[in-house]
N, C-alpha and C. Protein backbone atom coordinates (compact mmCIF):
# COMPACT_ATOMS: atom_id res chain seq x y z
N MET A 1 18.04 87.19 162.46
CA MET A 1 17.43 85.55 161.74
C MET A 1 18.15 85.16 160.90
N LEU A 2 17.84 84.42 159.99
CA LEU A 2 19.16 83.26 159.71
C LEU A 2 18.92 83.28 158.33
N ASN A 3 19.41 83.38 156.91
CA ASN A 3 19.26 82.30 155.73
C ASN A 3 20.02 81.81 154.39
N THR A 4 20.03 80.91 155.83
CA THR A 4 19.90 79.10 156.09
C THR A 4 19.55 77.97 156.54
N ASP A 5 18.16 78.58 156.84
CA ASP A 5 17.31 78.02 156.44
C ASP A 5 16.52 76.64 154.99
N ALA A 6 15.90 75.58 154.89
CA ALA A 6 15.92 75.34 153.95
C ALA A 6 14.88 75.24 153.44
N VAL A 7 14.33 75.01 152.51
CA VAL A 7 12.84 75.77 151.59
C VAL A 7 12.32 75.16 150.74
N GLU A 8 11.84 74.25 150.48
CA GLU A 8 11.48 73.97 149.09
C GLU A 8 11.67 75.45 147.91
N PHE A 9 12.90 74.90 147.10
CA PHE A 9 12.41 75.17 145.68
C PHE A 9 11.79 75.11 144.83
N ASN A 10 11.35 75.45 143.57
CA ASN A 10 11.13 74.35 141.90
C ASN A 10 12.14 75.12 141.15
N PHE A 11 12.90 74.31 140.43
CA PHE A 11 13.64 74.23 139.61
C PHE A 11 12.63 74.10 138.90
N ILE A 12 12.83 74.50 137.12
CA ILE A 12 12.83 73.94 136.07
C ILE A 12 11.12 72.34 135.98
N PHE A 13 11.84 71.43 136.31
CA PHE A 13 11.19 70.26 136.60
C PHE A 13 11.19 69.26 137.75
N VAL A 14 12.15 70.12 138.88
CA VAL A 14 12.03 69.51 139.91
C VAL A 14 11.98 70.34 141.46
N LYS A 15 11.66 69.75 142.07
CA LYS A 15 11.18 70.41 143.48
C LYS A 15 12.52 69.96 143.79
N ALA A 16 13.10 71.06 144.79
CA ALA A 16 14.00 70.57 146.12
C ALA A 16 14.38 71.08 146.81
N GLU A 17 15.03 70.45 148.36
CA GLU A 17 15.25 71.04 149.14
C GLU A 17 16.72 72.37 149.03
N VAL A 18 16.74 73.60 149.54
CA VAL A 18 17.34 74.38 149.71
C VAL A 18 18.22 74.93 150.76
N SER A 19 18.86 75.99 150.72
CA SER A 19 19.16 76.91 151.53
C SER A 19 18.69 77.92 150.78
N LYS A 20 18.30 79.06 151.78
CA LYS A 20 18.57 80.38 151.39
C LYS A 20 19.32 80.76 150.62
N LEU A 21 20.28 80.68 151.85
CA LEU A 21 22.01 81.42 150.81
C LEU A 21 22.52 80.97 149.83
N VAL A 22 22.37 79.31 149.53
CA VAL A 22 22.61 78.50 148.33
C VAL A 22 22.68 79.39 146.64
N ILE A 23 20.53 80.24 147.45
CA ILE A 23 19.98 80.59 146.76
C ILE A 23 20.20 82.44 146.27
N VAL A 24 20.50 82.95 147.08
CA VAL A 24 20.21 84.26 147.17
C VAL A 24 22.21 83.98 146.97
N GLY A 25 22.92 82.70 146.70
CA GLY A 25 23.85 83.56 146.28
C GLY A 25 24.51 83.28 144.63
N VAL A 26 23.30 82.22 144.53
CA VAL A 26 23.38 81.68 142.87
C VAL A 26 23.02 82.58 142.39
N CYS A 27 21.81 83.36 142.52
CA CYS A 27 20.82 84.87 141.91
C CYS A 27 22.43 85.64 142.29
N THR A 28 23.23 86.13 142.80
CA THR A 28 23.53 87.33 142.63
C THR A 28 25.21 86.62 141.72
N PHE A 29 25.19 85.90 141.76
CA PHE A 29 26.15 85.36 140.77
C PHE A 29 25.80 85.15 139.65
N ILE A 30 24.61 84.97 139.04
CA ILE A 30 23.37 85.20 138.01
C ILE A 30 23.85 86.57 137.30
N GLY A 31 23.53 87.83 138.34
CA GLY A 31 22.84 88.89 138.42
C GLY A 31 24.27 89.41 137.64
N PHE A 32 25.61 88.86 138.37
CA PHE A 32 26.80 89.87 138.29
C PHE A 32 27.68 89.39 137.37
N ALA A 33 26.89 87.60 136.24
CA ALA A 33 27.68 87.44 134.80
C ALA A 33 26.96 88.37 134.25
N ILE A 34 25.00 88.38 134.37
CA ILE A 34 24.48 88.22 132.93
C ILE A 34 25.67 90.37 133.08
N GLY A 35 25.20 90.94 133.59
CA GLY A 35 26.04 92.56 133.21
C GLY A 35 27.21 92.93 133.68
N TYR A 36 27.85 92.05 133.82
CA TYR A 36 28.94 91.84 133.41
C TYR A 36 28.99 91.65 131.35
N TRP A 37 27.95 90.69 131.31
CA TRP A 37 28.13 90.52 130.06
C TRP A 37 27.57 91.70 129.04
N ALA A 38 26.52 91.49 129.89
CA ALA A 38 26.01 93.42 128.76
C ALA A 38 26.44 94.35 128.85
N ALA A 39 27.73 94.68 129.98
CA ALA A 39 28.04 96.28 129.64
C ALA A 39 29.25 95.82 129.41
N LYS A 40 29.38 94.90 129.07
CA LYS A 40 31.12 95.01 128.68
C LYS A 40 31.83 95.65 127.31
N PRO A 41 32.32 96.61 127.12
CA PRO A 41 32.51 97.02 126.06
C PRO A 41 32.34 96.21 124.22
N LYS A 42 32.01 96.20 123.21
CA LYS A 42 32.14 95.89 122.16
C LYS A 42 33.22 96.24 121.39
N THR A 43 33.77 95.01 120.76
CA THR A 43 34.81 95.38 119.51
C THR A 43 34.20 95.79 118.59
N THR A 44 34.97 96.90 117.27
CA THR A 44 34.27 96.91 117.06
C THR A 44 35.76 97.24 115.58
N LEU A 45 35.94 96.85 114.31
CA LEU A 45 36.85 97.05 113.75
C LEU A 45 36.36 98.24 112.87
N THR A 46 37.10 100.13 112.54
CA THR A 46 36.76 100.58 112.16
C THR A 46 36.65 101.31 110.47
N THR A 47 37.16 99.88 109.94
CA THR A 47 37.60 99.72 108.58
C THR A 47 38.11 99.02 107.57
N TYR A 48 37.28 98.08 107.02
CA TYR A 48 37.90 97.90 106.35
C TYR A 48 38.67 98.10 104.80
N ASP A 49 39.07 99.42 104.28
CA ASP A 49 39.84 99.33 103.21
C ASP A 49 41.50 99.83 103.76
N LYS A 50 41.95 98.50 103.33
CA LYS A 50 43.54 98.34 103.05
C LYS A 50 44.37 100.16 103.21
N ASP A 51 43.49 100.55 102.14
CA ASP A 51 44.28 101.87 101.73
C ASP A 51 43.81 103.31 102.24
N GLY A 52 43.59 103.02 102.96
CA GLY A 52 42.97 104.25 103.63
C GLY A 52 44.01 105.35 103.83
N PRO A 53 44.20 106.71 104.86
CA PRO A 53 44.82 107.29 104.76
C PRO A 53 46.31 106.99 105.84
N GLN A 54 45.20 106.64 107.42
CA GLN A 54 45.79 105.93 108.14
C GLN A 54 47.17 105.03 108.37
N ASP A 55 46.68 104.66 107.44
CA ASP A 55 48.19 103.88 106.65
C ASP A 55 49.35 104.22 106.36
N ASN A 56 48.93 105.47 105.98
CA ASN A 56 50.13 106.61 105.89
C ASN A 56 50.24 108.06 106.14
N PRO A 57 50.98 108.33 106.88
CA PRO A 57 50.90 109.74 107.19
C PRO A 57 51.45 110.31 106.79
N GLU A 58 51.74 110.29 105.81
CA GLU A 58 52.73 110.92 104.30
C GLU A 58 51.80 111.96 104.23
N ASP A 59 50.80 112.01 103.87
CA ASP A 59 49.47 111.65 103.14
C ASP A 59 48.97 112.63 103.56
N ARG A 60 48.80 112.43 105.59
CA ARG A 60 47.46 114.01 106.37
C ARG A 60 48.74 114.73 105.86
N ARG A 61 50.30 114.31 106.09
CA ARG A 61 51.55 115.61 106.53
C ARG A 61 50.88 116.99 104.79
N ASN A 62 50.83 116.15 104.15
CA ASN A 62 50.69 116.81 102.42
C ASN A 62 49.61 117.43 102.46
N GLU A 63 48.26 117.11 103.48
CA GLU A 63 47.28 118.23 103.44
C GLU A 63 47.00 119.14 104.84
N LEU A 64 48.41 119.43 105.16
CA LEU A 64 47.77 120.62 106.48
C LEU A 64 47.92 121.85 105.31
N SER A 65 47.76 122.58 105.73
CA SER A 65 48.17 124.19 104.79
C SER A 65 48.99 124.86 105.54
N ASP A 66 50.08 125.39 105.69
CA ASP A 66 51.90 125.87 106.30
C ASP A 66 51.29 127.26 107.38
N GLU A 67 49.99 127.41 107.55
CA GLU A 67 49.37 127.71 109.06
C GLU A 67 49.30 126.55 110.07
N ASP A 68 48.95 125.55 109.57
CA ASP A 68 48.70 123.96 110.95
C ASP A 68 50.74 123.99 110.43
N ARG A 69 51.06 123.55 109.74
CA ARG A 69 52.69 123.57 109.52
C ARG A 69 53.06 124.48 110.98
N ASP A 70 52.87 125.15 111.11
CA ASP A 70 54.11 126.43 111.43
C ASP A 70 52.86 126.58 113.10
N TYR A 71 51.76 126.23 112.74
CA TYR A 71 51.60 125.48 114.50
C TYR A 71 51.98 124.38 115.38
N ILE A 72 52.13 123.27 114.30
CA ILE A 72 52.69 122.36 114.99
C ILE A 72 53.72 122.35 115.33
N SER A 73 54.56 123.15 114.48
CA SER A 73 56.18 122.93 114.67
C SER A 73 56.91 124.08 115.64
């Protein structure tokens, strides 16, 4: 059994004789495209604050306790 025979396919406004193989291929491609679009990671901006502690690592070192400093070094 081959999927190459032509069948009548109803598009939105037009009826056309199209190969089953073309319909399967187009639907597969559309499914992969929609799946990729739905599953791609979203880019997010973590903060809008320019004066946050992440901009100056020296501030973080000053917040460490003596015990933490000994553990790190």
